[in-house]
Amino acid sequence: MFEISFGEITVIMVVALVVIGPERLPQVARTMGKMWGKLQRYVNQIKQEVSSSMEVEELRTLERKIKAEADALERSMQQVTSDVNHEVQQMEREVAKSQSEPNPSATPAVTPTLPNEKP
């Protein structure tokens, strides 16, 4: 804030002693001390409120970021799940199709007849 040297404090004390008088000076000094203490407490309280307000805002920002990341991850997982389900269904259709169609490369087994045997 502002700096006050020892010499300036001495001048202020001498002026206060002359203006206020030696009888009332202790009471005025005590009152000024109390007011100074209240002012310091008030300033510290304001600092703490501003600090906590900033922390709360930072936490809210962090919460929004985490929610956005979680939503993106959830959408990604849903996409992967749907892709896997689609692939599984496609494979099931191909297996069912191959089971229902006769295999052209598979010919019925023909038992050869021997020349001595009669069919």
PDB file of N, CA and C in Angstrom:
ATOM      1  N   MET A   1       0.829  -1.170   0.000  1.00  0.00           N
ATOM      2  CA  MET A   1       0.000   0.000   0.000  1.00  0.00           C
ATOM      3  C   MET A   1       0.881   1.244   0.000  1.00  0.00           C
ATOM      4  N   PHE A   2       0.906   1.941   1.066  1.00  0.00           N
ATOM      5  CA  PHE A   2       1.753   3.129   1.173  1.00  0.00           C
ATOM      6  C   PHE A   2       2.685   2.943   2.356  1.00  0.00           C
ATOM      7  N   GLU A   3       3.819   3.580   2.269  1.00  0.00           N
ATOM      8  CA  GLU A   3       4.832   3.408   3.310  1.00  0.00           C
ATOM      9  C   GLU A   3       4.895   4.654   4.181  1.00  0.00           C
ATOM     10  N   ILE A   4       5.024   4.423   5.486  1.00  0.00           N
ATOM     11  CA  ILE A   4       5.186   5.521   6.438  1.00  0.00           C
ATOM     12  C   ILE A   4       6.472   5.237   7.211  1.00  0.00           C
ATOM     13  N   SER A   5       7.376   6.190   7.194  1.00  0.00           N
ATOM     14  CA  SER A   5       8.655   5.997   7.894  1.00  0.00           C
ATOM     15  C   SER A   5       8.496   6.343   9.380  1.00  0.00           C
ATOM     16  N   PHE A   6       9.519   6.021  10.142  1.00  0.00           N
ATOM     17  CA  PHE A   6       9.486   6.293  11.578  1.00  0.00           C
ATOM     18  C   PHE A   6       9.399   7.794  11.854  1.00  0.00           C
ATOM     19  N   GLY A   7      10.080   8.583  11.046  1.00  0.00           N
ATOM     20  CA  GLY A   7      10.047  10.045  11.216  1.00  0.00           C
ATOM     21  C   GLY A   7       8.646  10.595  10.994  1.00  0.00           C
ATOM     22  N   GLU A   8       7.954  10.078  10.007  1.00  0.00           N
ATOM     23  CA  GLU A   8       6.582  10.537   9.742  1.00  0.00           C
ATOM     24  C   GLU A   8       5.656  10.156  10.886  1.00  0.00           C
ATOM     25  N   ILE A   9       5.851   8.976  11.444  1.00  0.00           N
ATOM     26  CA  ILE A   9       5.022   8.537  12.575  1.00  0.00           C
ATOM     27  C   ILE A   9       5.266   9.448  13.782  1.00  0.00           C
ATOM     28  N   THR A  10       6.508   9.809  13.998  1.00  0.00           N
ATOM     29  CA  THR A  10       6.853  10.695  15.119  1.00  0.00           C
ATOM     30  C   THR A  10       6.174  12.050  14.957  1.00  0.00           C
ATOM     31  N   VAL A  11       6.198  12.618  13.757  1.00  0.00           N
ATOM     32  CA  VAL A  11       5.554  13.913  13.495  1.00  0.00           C
ATOM     33  C   VAL A  11       4.054  13.803  13.741  1.00  0.00           C
ATOM     34  N   ILE A  12       3.444  12.705  13.279  1.00  0.00           N
ATOM     35  CA  ILE A  12       1.997  12.517  13.477  1.00  0.00           C
ATOM     36  C   ILE A  12       1.673  12.423  14.969  1.00  0.00           C
ATOM     37  N   MET A  13       2.505  11.720  15.730  1.00  0.00           N
ATOM     38  CA  MET A  13       2.268  11.589  17.175  1.00  0.00           C
ATOM     39  C   MET A  13       2.397  12.939  17.898  1.00  0.00           C
ATOM     40  N   VAL A  14       3.376  13.739  17.535  1.00  0.00           N
ATOM     41  CA  VAL A  14       3.559  15.056  18.168  1.00  0.00           C
ATOM     42  C   VAL A  14       2.379  15.963  17.850  1.00  0.00           C
ATOM     43  N   VAL A  15       1.930  15.962  16.587  1.00  0.00           N
ATOM     44  CA  VAL A  15       0.779  16.787  16.196  1.00  0.00           C
ATOM     45  C   VAL A  15      -0.462  16.321  16.946  1.00  0.00           C
ATOM     46  N   ALA A  16      -0.670  15.006  17.042  1.00  0.00           N
ATOM     47  CA  ALA A  16      -1.828  14.468  17.760  1.00  0.00           C
ATOM     48  C   ALA A  16      -1.774  14.858  19.228  1.00  0.00           C
ATOM     49  N   LEU A  17      -0.588  14.829  19.841  1.00  0.00           N
ATOM     50  CA  LEU A  17      -0.450  15.204  21.249  1.00  0.00           C
ATOM     51  C   LEU A  17      -0.812  16.672  21.467  1.00  0.00           C
ATOM     52  N   VAL A  18      -0.397  17.529  20.537  1.00  0.00           N
ATOM     53  CA  VAL A  18      -0.676  18.959  20.668  1.00  0.00           C
ATOM     54  C   VAL A  18      -2.158  19.234  20.422  1.00  0.00           C
ATOM     55  N   VAL A  19      -2.732  18.606  19.378  1.00  0.00           N
ATOM     56  CA  VAL A  19      -4.125  18.894  18.993  1.00  0.00           C
ATOM     57  C   VAL A  19      -5.097  18.254  19.980  1.00  0.00           C
ATOM     58  N   ILE A  20      -4.903  16.977  20.303  1.00  0.00           N
ATOM     59  CA  ILE A  20      -5.863  16.251  21.136  1.00  0.00           C
ATOM     60  C   ILE A  20      -5.619  16.528  22.621  1.00  0.00           C
ATOM     61  N   GLY A  21      -4.404  16.600  23.009  1.00  0.00           N
ATOM     62  CA  GLY A  21      -4.088  16.836  24.419  1.00  0.00           C
ATOM     63  C   GLY A  21      -3.696  15.536  25.095  1.00  0.00           C
ATOM     64  N   PRO A  22      -2.904  15.662  26.155  1.00  0.00           N
ATOM     65  CA  PRO A  22      -2.396  14.461  26.823  1.00  0.00           C
ATOM     66  C   PRO A  22      -3.466  13.656  27.572  1.00  0.00           C
ATOM     67  N   GLU A  23      -4.593  14.284  27.950  1.00  0.00           N
ATOM     68  CA  GLU A  23      -5.623  13.558  28.693  1.00  0.00           C
ATOM     69  C   GLU A  23      -6.417  12.616  27.792  1.00  0.00           C
ATOM     70  N   ARG A  24      -6.746  13.082  26.612  1.00  0.00           N
ATOM     71  CA  ARG A  24      -7.601  12.291  25.713  1.00  0.00           C
ATOM     72  C   ARG A  24      -6.801  11.443  24.730  1.00  0.00           C
ATOM     73  N   LEU A  25      -5.497  11.641  24.622  1.00  0.00           N
ATOM     74  CA  LEU A  25      -4.681  10.918  23.633  1.00  0.00           C
ATOM     75  C   LEU A  25      -4.732   9.390  23.816  1.00  0.00           C
ATOM     76  N   PRO A  26      -4.622   8.839  25.023  1.00  0.00           N
ATOM     77  CA  PRO A  26      -4.697   7.374  25.151  1.00  0.00           C
ATOM     78  C   PRO A  26      -6.035   6.798  24.686  1.00  0.00           C
ATOM     79  N   GLN A  27      -7.126   7.494  25.001  1.00  0.00           N
ATOM     80  CA  GLN A  27      -8.437   7.024  24.577  1.00  0.00           C
ATOM     81  C   GLN A  27      -8.570   7.081  23.052  1.00  0.00           C
ATOM     82  N   VAL A  28      -8.107   8.150  22.438  1.00  0.00           N
ATOM     83  CA  VAL A  28      -8.163   8.277  20.976  1.00  0.00           C
ATOM     84  C   VAL A  28      -7.281   7.218  20.321  1.00  0.00           C
ATOM     85  N   ALA A  29      -6.089   6.966  20.887  1.00  0.00           N
ATOM     86  CA  ALA A  29      -5.196   5.958  20.329  1.00  0.00           C
ATOM     87  C   ALA A  29      -5.838   4.570  20.406  1.00  0.00           C
ATOM     88  N   ARG A  30      -6.487   4.273  21.538  1.00  0.00           N
ATOM     89  CA  ARG A  30      -7.163   2.986  21.702  1.00  0.00           C
ATOM     90  C   ARG A  30      -8.289   2.846  20.672  1.00  0.00           C
ATOM     91  N   THR A  31      -9.072   3.891  20.481  1.00  0.00           N
ATOM     92  CA  THR A  31     -10.168   3.866  19.505  1.00  0.00           C
ATOM     93  C   THR A  31      -9.618   3.691  18.094  1.00  0.00           C
ATOM     94  N   MET A  32      -8.542   4.409  17.779  1.00  0.00           N
ATOM     95  CA  MET A  32      -7.935   4.280  16.447  1.00  0.00           C
ATOM     96  C   MET A  32      -7.401   2.853  16.232  1.00  0.00           C
ATOM     97  N   GLY A  33      -6.818   2.269  17.266  1.00  0.00           N
ATOM     98  CA  GLY A  33      -6.319   0.896  17.165  1.00  0.00           C
ATOM     99  C   GLY A  33      -7.443  -0.094  16.896  1.00  0.00           C
ATOM    100  N   LYS A  34      -8.563   0.103  17.623  1.00  0.00           N
ATOM    101  CA  LYS A  34      -9.720  -0.775  17.407  1.00  0.00           C
ATOM    102  C   LYS A  34     -10.254  -0.637  15.983  1.00  0.00           C
ATOM    103  N   MET A  35     -10.343   0.602  15.502  1.00  0.00           N
ATOM    104  CA  MET A  35     -10.841   0.827  14.135  1.00  0.00           C
ATOM    105  C   MET A  35      -9.887   0.218  13.110  1.00  0.00           C
ATOM    106  N   TRP A  36      -8.584   0.352  13.362  1.00  0.00           N
ATOM    107  CA  TRP A  36      -7.589  -0.231  12.448  1.00  0.00           C
ATOM    108  C   TRP A  36      -7.729  -1.758  12.414  1.00  0.00           C
ATOM    109  N   GLY A  37      -7.930  -2.370  13.577  1.00  0.00           N
ATOM    110  CA  GLY A  37      -8.122  -3.822  13.648  1.00  0.00           C
ATOM    111  C   GLY A  37      -9.373  -4.263  12.894  1.00  0.00           C
ATOM    112  N   LYS A  38     -10.473  -3.507  13.085  1.00  0.00           N
ATOM    113  CA  LYS A  38     -11.713  -3.834  12.359  1.00  0.00           C
ATOM    114  C   LYS A  38     -11.509  -3.716  10.852  1.00  0.00           C
ATOM    115  N   LEU A  39     -10.799  -2.679  10.422  1.00  0.00           N
ATOM    116  CA  LEU A  39     -10.530  -2.485   9.000  1.00  0.00           C
ATOM    117  C   LEU A  39      -9.709  -3.655   8.439  1.00  0.00           C
ATOM    118  N   GLN A  40      -8.701  -4.081   9.193  1.00  0.00           N
ATOM    119  CA  GLN A  40      -7.869  -5.208   8.737  1.00  0.00           C
ATOM    120  C   GLN A  40      -8.697  -6.492   8.656  1.00  0.00           C
ATOM    121  N   ARG A  41      -9.541  -6.752   9.653  1.00  0.00           N
ATOM    122  CA  ARG A  41     -10.388  -7.945   9.620  1.00  0.00           C
ATOM    123  C   ARG A  41     -11.346  -7.908   8.431  1.00  0.00           C
ATOM    124  N   TYR A  42     -11.909  -6.725   8.174  1.00  0.00           N
ATOM    125  CA  TYR A  42     -12.820  -6.574   7.047  1.00  0.00           C
ATOM    126  C   TYR A  42     -12.102  -6.844   5.717  1.00  0.00           C
ATOM    127  N   VAL A  43     -10.913  -6.292   5.558  1.00  0.00           N
ATOM    128  CA  VAL A  43     -10.141  -6.502   4.325  1.00  0.00           C
ATOM    129  C   VAL A  43      -9.783  -7.983   4.167  1.00  0.00           C
ATOM    130  N   ASN A  44      -9.357  -8.617   5.274  1.00  0.00           N
ATOM    131  CA  ASN A  44      -9.029 -10.046   5.205  1.00  0.00           C
ATOM    132  C   ASN A  44     -10.255 -10.886   4.876  1.00  0.00           C
ATOM    133  N   GLN A  45     -11.419 -10.524   5.429  1.00  0.00           N
ATOM    134  CA  GLN A  45     -12.644 -11.250   5.128  1.00  0.00           C
ATOM    135  C   GLN A  45     -12.994 -11.119   3.643  1.00  0.00           C
ATOM    136  N   ILE A  46     -12.858  -9.924   3.098  1.00  0.00           N
ATOM    137  CA  ILE A  46     -13.135  -9.709   1.670  1.00  0.00           C
ATOM    138  C   ILE A  46     -12.178 -10.539   0.823  1.00  0.00           C
ATOM    139  N   LYS A  47     -10.895 -10.571   1.214  1.00  0.00           N
ATOM    140  CA  LYS A  47      -9.911 -11.371   0.480  1.00  0.00           C
ATOM    141  C   LYS A  47     -10.299 -12.851   0.492  1.00  0.00           C
ATOM    142  N   GLN A  48     -10.722 -13.353   1.655  1.00  0.00           N
ATOM    143  CA  GLN A  48     -11.108 -14.754   1.760  1.00  0.00           C
ATOM    144  C   GLN A  48     -12.335 -15.054   0.917  1.00  0.00           C
ATOM    145  N   GLU A  49     -13.309 -14.157   0.909  1.00  0.00           N
ATOM    146  CA  GLU A  49     -14.513 -14.359   0.100  1.00  0.00           C
ATOM    147  C   GLU A  49     -14.181 -14.379  -1.388  1.00  0.00           C
ATOM    148  N   VAL A  50     -13.324 -13.465  -1.805  1.00  0.00           N
ATOM    149  CA  VAL A  50     -12.925 -13.438  -3.215  1.00  0.00           C
ATOM    150  C   VAL A  50     -12.168 -14.701  -3.567  1.00  0.00           C
ATOM    151  N   SER A  51     -11.287 -15.128  -2.692  1.00  0.00           N
ATOM    152  CA  SER A  51     -10.510 -16.345  -2.930  1.00  0.00           C
ATOM    153  C   SER A  51     -11.420 -17.562  -3.015  1.00  0.00           C
ATOM    154  N   SER A  52     -12.354 -17.692  -2.080  1.00  0.00           N
ATOM    155  CA  SER A  52     -13.263 -18.847  -2.111  1.00  0.00           C
ATOM    156  C   SER A  52     -14.180 -18.782  -3.325  1.00  0.00           C
ATOM    157  N   SER A  53     -14.585 -17.588  -3.703  1.00  0.00           N
ATOM    158  CA  SER A  53     -15.417 -17.435  -4.897  1.00  0.00           C
ATOM    159  C   SER A  53     -14.659 -17.886  -6.138  1.00  0.00           C
ATOM    160  N   MET A  54     -13.388 -17.525  -6.218  1.00  0.00           N
ATOM    161  CA  MET A  54     -12.571 -17.940  -7.359  1.00  0.00           C
ATOM    162  C   MET A  54     -12.395 -19.453  -7.365  1.00  0.00           C
ATOM    163  N   GLU A  55     -12.194 -20.053  -6.172  1.00  0.00           N
ATOM    164  CA  GLU A  55     -12.046 -21.505  -6.086  1.00  0.00           C
ATOM    165  C   GLU A  55     -13.326 -22.203  -6.512  1.00  0.00           C
ATOM    166  N   VAL A  56     -14.473 -21.674  -6.093  1.00  0.00           N
ATOM    167  CA  VAL A  56     -15.751 -22.269  -6.477  1.00  0.00           C
ATOM    168  C   VAL A  56     -15.923 -22.198  -7.992  1.00  0.00           C
ATOM    169  N   GLU A  57     -15.586 -21.067  -8.575  1.00  0.00           N
ATOM    170  CA  GLU A  57     -15.710 -20.919 -10.027  1.00  0.00           C
ATOM    171  C   GLU A  57     -14.770 -21.882 -10.747  1.00  0.00           C
ATOM    172  N   GLU A  58     -13.553 -22.045 -10.229  1.00  0.00           N
ATOM    173  CA  GLU A  58     -12.615 -22.995 -10.827  1.00  0.00           C
ATOM    174  C   GLU A  58     -13.159 -24.415 -10.740  1.00  0.00           C
ATOM    175  N   LEU A  59     -13.756 -24.756  -9.602  1.00  0.00           N
ATOM    176  CA  LEU A  59     -14.346 -26.087  -9.443  1.00  0.00           C
ATOM    177  C   LEU A  59     -15.510 -26.295 -10.402  1.00  0.00           C
ATOM    178  N   ARG A  60     -16.325 -25.273 -10.592  1.00  0.00           N
ATOM    179  CA  ARG A  60     -17.438 -25.385 -11.543  1.00  0.00           C
ATOM    180  C   ARG A  60     -16.921 -25.574 -12.961  1.00  0.00           C
ATOM    181  N   THR A  61     -15.881 -24.840 -13.316  1.00  0.00           N
ATOM    182  CA  THR A  61     -15.288 -24.998 -14.643  1.00  0.00           C
ATOM    183  C   THR A  61     -14.736 -26.407 -14.808  1.00  0.00           C
ATOM    184  N   LEU A  62     -14.053 -26.887 -13.790  1.00  0.00           N
ATOM    185  CA  LEU A  62     -13.514 -28.244 -13.835  1.00  0.00           C
ATOM    186  C   LEU A  62     -14.636 -29.269 -13.942  1.00  0.00           C
ATOM    187  N   GLU A  63     -15.720 -29.048 -13.209  1.00  0.00           N
ATOM    188  CA  GLU A  63     -16.863 -29.963 -13.267  1.00  0.00           C
ATOM    189  C   GLU A  63     -17.455 -29.999 -14.679  1.00  0.00           C
ATOM    190  N   ARG A  64     -17.596 -28.831 -15.304  1.00  0.00           N
ATOM    191  CA  ARG A  64     -18.133 -28.789 -16.678  1.00  0.00           C
ATOM    192  C   ARG A  64     -17.215 -29.529 -17.640  1.00  0.00           C
ATOM    193  N   LYS A  65     -15.898 -29.355 -17.477  1.00  0.00           N
ATOM    194  CA  LYS A  65     -14.948 -30.053 -18.348  1.00  0.00           C
ATOM    195  C   LYS A  65     -15.048 -31.563 -18.164  1.00  0.00           C
ATOM    196  N   ILE A  66     -15.142 -32.009 -16.917  1.00  0.00           N
ATOM    197  CA  ILE A  66     -15.221 -33.444 -16.641  1.00  0.00           C
ATOM    198  C   ILE A  66     -16.521 -34.013 -17.204  1.00  0.00           C
ATOM    199  N   LYS A  67     -17.625 -33.285 -17.050  1.00  0.00           N
ATOM    200  CA  LYS A  67     -18.897 -33.760 -17.606  1.00  0.00           C
ATOM    201  C   LYS A  67     -18.820 -33.853 -19.123  1.00  0.00           C
ATOM    202  N   ALA A  68     -18.200 -32.880 -19.759  1.00  0.00           N
ATOM    203  CA  ALA A  68     -18.063 -32.909 -21.217  1.00  0.00           C
ATOM    204  C   ALA A  68     -17.215 -34.102 -21.644  1.00  0.00           C
ATOM    205  N   GLU A  69     -16.125 -34.357 -20.925  1.00  0.00           N
ATOM    206  CA  GLU A  69     -15.269 -35.515 -21.232  1.00  0.00           C
ATOM    207  C   GLU A  69     -16.043 -36.816 -21.038  1.00  0.00           C
ATOM    208  N   ALA A  70     -16.818 -36.905 -19.958  1.00  0.00           N
ATOM    209  CA  ALA A  70     -17.593 -38.119 -19.680  1.00  0.00           C
ATOM    210  C   ALA A  70     -18.646 -38.332 -20.758  1.00  0.00           C
ATOM    211  N   ASP A  71     -19.306 -37.261 -21.190  1.00  0.00           N
ATOM    212  CA  ASP A  71     -20.300 -37.381 -22.258  1.00  0.00           C
ATOM    213  C   ASP A  71     -19.655 -37.840 -23.559  1.00  0.00           C
ATOM    214  N   ALA A  72     -18.496 -37.287 -23.872  1.00  0.00           N
ATOM    215  CA  ALA A  72     -17.794 -37.685 -25.091  1.00  0.00           C
ATOM    216  C   ALA A  72     -17.384 -39.152 -25.014  1.00  0.00           C
ATOM    217  N   LEU A  73     -16.909 -39.566 -23.856  1.00  0.00           N
ATOM    218  CA  LEU A  73     -16.525 -40.967 -23.673  1.00  0.00           C
ATOM    219  C   LEU A  73     -17.740 -41.880 -23.789  1.00  0.00           C
ATOM    220  N   GLU A  74     -18.858 -41.456 -23.224  1.00  0.00           N
ATOM    221  CA  GLU A  74     -20.076 -42.267 -23.312  1.00  0.00           C
ATOM    222  C   GLU A  74     -20.542 -42.396 -24.762  1.00  0.00           C
ATOM    223  N   ARG A  75     -20.508 -41.292 -25.505  1.00  0.00           N
ATOM    224  CA  ARG A  75     -20.900 -41.359 -26.922  1.00  0.00           C
ATOM    225  C   ARG A  75     -19.960 -42.267 -27.698  1.00  0.00           C
ATOM    226  N   SER A  76     -18.680 -42.195 -27.399  1.00  0.00           N
ATOM    227  CA  SER A  76     -17.697 -43.038 -28.068  1.00  0.00           C
ATOM    228  C   SER A  76     -17.968 -44.511 -27.769  1.00  0.00           C
ATOM    229  N   MET A  77     -18.248 -44.807 -26.498  1.00  0.00           N
ATOM    230  CA  MET A  77     -18.530 -46.195 -26.119  1.00  0.00           C
ATOM    231  C   MET A  77     -19.813 -46.693 -26.787  1.00  0.00           C
ATOM    232  N   GLN A  78     -20.826 -45.846 -26.885  1.00  0.00           N
ATOM    233  CA  GLN A  78     -22.064 -46.241 -27.558  1.00  0.00           C
ATOM    234  C   GLN A  78     -21.802 -46.512 -29.030  1.00  0.00           C
ATOM    235  N   GLN A  79     -20.959 -45.701 -29.659  1.00  0.00           N
ATOM    236  CA  GLN A  79     -20.632 -45.906 -31.070  1.00  0.00           C
ATOM    237  C   GLN A  79     -19.898 -47.224 -31.259  1.00  0.00           C
ATOM    238  N   VAL A  80     -18.936 -47.498 -30.381  1.00  0.00           N
ATOM    239  CA  VAL A  80     -18.178 -48.754 -30.472  1.00  0.00           C
ATOM    240  C   VAL A  80     -19.111 -49.937 -30.252  1.00  0.00           C
ATOM    241  N   THR A  81     -20.014 -49.832 -29.276  1.00  0.00           N
ATOM    242  CA  THR A  81     -20.956 -50.907 -29.004  1.00  0.00           C
ATOM    243  C   THR A  81     -21.856 -51.150 -30.202  1.00  0.00           C
ATOM    244  N   SER A  82     -22.352 -50.086 -30.796  1.00  0.00           N
ATOM    245  CA  SER A  82     -23.222 -50.257 -31.960  1.00  0.00           C
ATOM    246  C   SER A  82     -22.446 -50.857 -33.132  1.00  0.00           C
ATOM    247  N   ASP A  83     -21.181 -50.453 -33.322  1.00  0.00           N
ATOM    248  CA  ASP A  83     -20.365 -51.032 -34.399  1.00  0.00           C
ATOM    249  C   ASP A  83     -20.132 -52.523 -34.168  1.00  0.00           C
ATOM    250  N   VAL A  84     -19.833 -52.887 -32.925  1.00  0.00           N
ATOM    251  CA  VAL A  84     -19.599 -54.299 -32.608  1.00  0.00           C
ATOM    252  C   VAL A  84     -20.880 -55.100 -32.808  1.00  0.00           C
ATOM    253  N   ASN A  85     -22.019 -54.571 -32.353  1.00  0.00           N
ATOM    254  CA  ASN A  85     -23.295 -55.266 -32.545  1.00  0.00           C
ATOM    255  C   ASN A  85     -23.612 -55.439 -34.022  1.00  0.00           C
ATOM    256  N   HIS A  86     -23.333 -54.415 -34.804  1.00  0.00           N
ATOM    257  CA  HIS A  86     -23.574 -54.494 -36.249  1.00  0.00           C
ATOM    258  C   HIS A  86     -22.701 -55.590 -36.878  1.00  0.00           C
ATOM    259  N   GLU A  87     -21.444 -55.636 -36.498  1.00  0.00           N
ATOM    260  CA  GLU A  87     -20.531 -56.665 -37.031  1.00  0.00           C
ATOM    261  C   GLU A  87     -20.984 -58.064 -36.622  1.00  0.00           C
ATOM    262  N   VAL A  88     -21.416 -58.228 -35.377  1.00  0.00           N
ATOM    263  CA  VAL A  88     -21.879 -59.537 -34.904  1.00  0.00           C
ATOM    264  C   VAL A  88     -23.117 -59.970 -35.676  1.00  0.00           C
ATOM    265  N   GLN A  89     -24.051 -59.059 -35.879  1.00  0.00           N
ATOM    266  CA  GLN A  89     -25.254 -59.398 -36.651  1.00  0.00           C
ATOM    267  C   GLN A  89     -24.906 -59.779 -38.083  1.00  0.00           C
ATOM    268  N   GLN A  90     -23.975 -59.049 -38.670  1.00  0.00           N
ATOM    269  CA  GLN A  90     -23.560 -59.350 -40.039  1.00  0.00           C
ATOM    270  C   GLN A  90     -22.922 -60.735 -40.095  1.00  0.00           C
ATOM    271  N   MET A  91     -22.099 -61.066 -39.138  1.00  0.00           N
ATOM    272  CA  MET A  91     -21.467 -62.386 -39.115  1.00  0.00           C
ATOM    273  C   MET A  91     -22.511 -63.479 -38.894  1.00  0.00           C
ATOM    274  N   GLU A  92     -23.493 -63.221 -38.035  1.00  0.00           N
ATOM    275  CA  GLU A  92     -24.554 -64.201 -37.811  1.00  0.00           C
ATOM    276  C   GLU A  92     -25.353 -64.443 -39.090  1.00  0.00           C
ATOM    277  N   ARG A  93     -25.623 -63.381 -39.834  1.00  0.00           N
ATOM    278  CA  ARG A  93     -26.344 -63.548 -41.112  1.00  0.00           C
ATOM    279  C   ARG A  93     -25.525 -64.364 -42.093  1.00  0.00           C
ATOM    280  N   GLU A  94     -24.226 -64.099 -42.156  1.00  0.00           N
ATOM    281  CA  GLU A  94     -23.368 -64.856 -43.079  1.00  0.00           C
ATOM    282  C   GLU A  94     -23.302 -66.322 -42.685  1.00  0.00           C
ATOM    283  N   VAL A  95     -23.226 -66.605 -41.389  1.00  0.00           N
ATOM    284  CA  VAL A  95     -23.196 -67.997 -40.930  1.00  0.00           C
ATOM    285  C   VAL A  95     -24.522 -68.681 -41.251  1.00  0.00           C
ATOM    286  N   ALA A  96     -25.634 -68.001 -41.004  1.00  0.00           N
ATOM    287  CA  ALA A  96     -26.944 -68.574 -41.292  1.00  0.00           C
ATOM    288  C   ALA A  96     -27.113 -68.799 -42.787  1.00  0.00           C
ATOM    289  N   LYS A  97     -26.634 -67.883 -43.571  1.00  0.00           N
ATOM    290  CA  LYS A  97     -26.731 -67.999 -45.024  1.00  0.00           C
ATOM    291  C   LYS A  97     -25.885 -69.170 -45.518  1.00  0.00           C
ATOM    292  N   SER A  98     -24.705 -69.328 -44.984  1.00  0.00           N
ATOM    293  CA  SER A  98     -23.835 -70.422 -45.430  1.00  0.00           C
ATOM    294  C   SER A  98     -24.383 -71.769 -44.980  1.00  0.00           C
ATOM    295  N   GLN A  99     -25.101 -71.822 -43.874  1.00  0.00           N
ATOM    296  CA  GLN A  99     -25.679 -73.078 -43.414  1.00  0.00           C
ATOM    297  C   GLN A  99     -26.907 -73.452 -44.228  1.00  0.00           C
ATOM    298  N   SER A 100     -27.651 -72.473 -44.707  1.00  0.00           N
ATOM    299  CA  SER A 100     -28.872 -72.778 -45.465  1.00  0.00           C
ATOM    300  C   SER A 100     -28.566 -73.125 -46.916  1.00  0.00           C
ATOM    301  N   GLU A 101     -27.506 -72.614 -47.474  1.00  0.00           N
ATOM    302  CA  GLU A 101     -27.156 -72.925 -48.866  1.00  0.00           C
ATOM    303  C   GLU A 101     -26.331 -74.204 -48.915  1.00  0.00           C
ATOM    304  N   PRO A 102     -26.597 -75.069 -49.924  1.00  0.00           N
ATOM    305  CA  PRO A 102     -25.753 -76.259 -50.054  1.00  0.00           C
ATOM    306  C   PRO A 102     -24.379 -75.839 -50.535  1.00  0.00           C
ATOM    307  N   ASN A 103     -23.412 -76.567 -50.072  1.00  0.00           N
ATOM    308  CA  ASN A 103     -22.043 -76.259 -50.431  1.00  0.00           C
ATOM    309  C   ASN A 103     -21.753 -76.870 -51.797  1.00  0.00           C
ATOM    310  N   PRO A 104     -21.488 -76.061 -52.833  1.00  0.00           N
ATOM    311  CA  PRO A 104     -21.281 -76.613 -54.172  1.00  0.00           C
ATOM    312  C   PRO A 104     -19.994 -77.435 -54.271  1.00  0.00           C
ATOM    313  N   SER A 105     -19.048 -77.176 -53.442  1.00  0.00           N
ATOM    314  CA  SER A 105     -17.806 -77.935 -53.541  1.00  0.00           C
ATOM    315  C   SER A 105     -17.949 -79.300 -52.888  1.00  0.00           C
ATOM    316  N   ALA A 106     -18.946 -79.451 -52.063  1.00  0.00           N
ATOM    317  CA  ALA A 106     -19.150 -80.744 -51.421  1.00  0.00           C
ATOM    318  C   ALA A 106     -20.056 -81.591 -52.307  1.00  0.00           C
ATOM    319  N   THR A 107     -19.522 -82.655 -52.845  1.00  0.00           N
ATOM    320  CA  THR A 107     -20.311 -83.575 -53.678  1.00  0.00           C
ATOM    321  C   THR A 107     -20.670 -84.779 -52.839  1.00  0.00           C
ATOM    322  N   PRO A 108     -21.792 -85.397 -53.168  1.00  0.00           N
ATOM    323  CA  PRO A 108     -22.173 -86.556 -52.383  1.00  0.00           C
ATOM    324  C   PRO A 108     -21.134 -87.663 -52.546  1.00  0.00           C
ATOM    325  N   ALA A 109     -20.951 -88.352 -51.482  1.00  0.00           N
ATOM    326  CA  ALA A 109     -19.957 -89.414 -51.505  1.00  0.00           C
ATOM    327  C   ALA A 109     -20.460 -90.564 -52.388  1.00  0.00           C
ATOM    328  N   VAL A 110     -19.645 -90.908 -53.321  1.00  0.00           N
ATOM    329  CA  VAL A 110     -19.982 -92.017 -54.222  1.00  0.00           C
ATOM    330  C   VAL A 110     -19.113 -93.184 -53.815  1.00  0.00           C
ATOM    331  N   THR A 111     -19.783 -94.279 -53.571  1.00  0.00           N
ATOM    332  CA  THR A 111     -19.000 -95.449 -53.205  1.00  0.00           C
ATOM    333  C   THR A 111     -18.643 -96.184 -54.485  1.00  0.00           C
ATOM    334  N   PRO A 112     -17.408 -96.366 -54.681  1.00  0.00           N
ATOM    335  CA  PRO A 112     -17.015 -97.063 -55.910  1.00  0.00           C
ATOM    336  C   PRO A 112     -17.414 -98.548 -55.836  1.00  0.00           C
ATOM    337  N   THR A 113     -17.795 -99.024 -56.953  1.00  0.00           N
ATOM    338  CA  THR A 113     -18.135-100.447 -57.028  1.00  0.00           C
ATOM    339  C   THR A 113     -16.972-101.215 -57.602  1.00  0.00           C
ATOM    340  N   LEU A 114     -16.772-102.333 -57.056  1.00  0.00           N
ATOM    341  CA  LEU A 114     -15.691-103.174 -57.535  1.00  0.00           C
ATOM    342  C   LEU A 114     -16.205-104.002 -58.709  1.00  0.00           C
ATOM    343  N   PRO A 115     -15.325-104.320 -59.584  1.00  0.00           N
ATOM    344  CA  PRO A 115     -15.785-105.042 -60.767  1.00  0.00           C
ATOM    345  C   PRO A 115     -16.422-106.408 -60.419  1.00  0.00           C
ATOM    346  N   ASN A 116     -16.072-107.009 -59.360  1.00  0.00           N
ATOM    347  CA  ASN A 116     -16.627-108.312 -59.010  1.00  0.00           C
ATOM    348  C   ASN A 116     -17.983-108.195 -58.369  1.00  0.00           C
ATOM    349  N   GLU A 117     -18.312-107.054 -57.889  1.00  0.00           N
ATOM    350  CA  GLU A 117     -19.559-106.887 -57.178  1.00  0.00           C
ATOM    351  C   GLU A 117     -20.641-106.397 -58.118  1.00  0.00           C
ATOM    352  N   LYS A 118     -21.834-106.745 -57.772  1.00  0.00           N
ATOM    353  CA  LYS A 118     -22.967-106.280 -58.553  1.00  0.00           C
ATOM    354  C   LYS A 118     -23.651-105.181 -57.770  1.00  0.00           C
ATOM    355  N   PRO A 119     -24.060-104.258 -58.481  1.00  0.00           N
ATOM    356  CA  PRO A 119     -24.716-103.187 -57.780  1.00  0.00           C
ATOM    357  C   PRO A 119     -26.097-103.512 -57.328  1.00  0.00           C
TER     358      PRO A 119
END
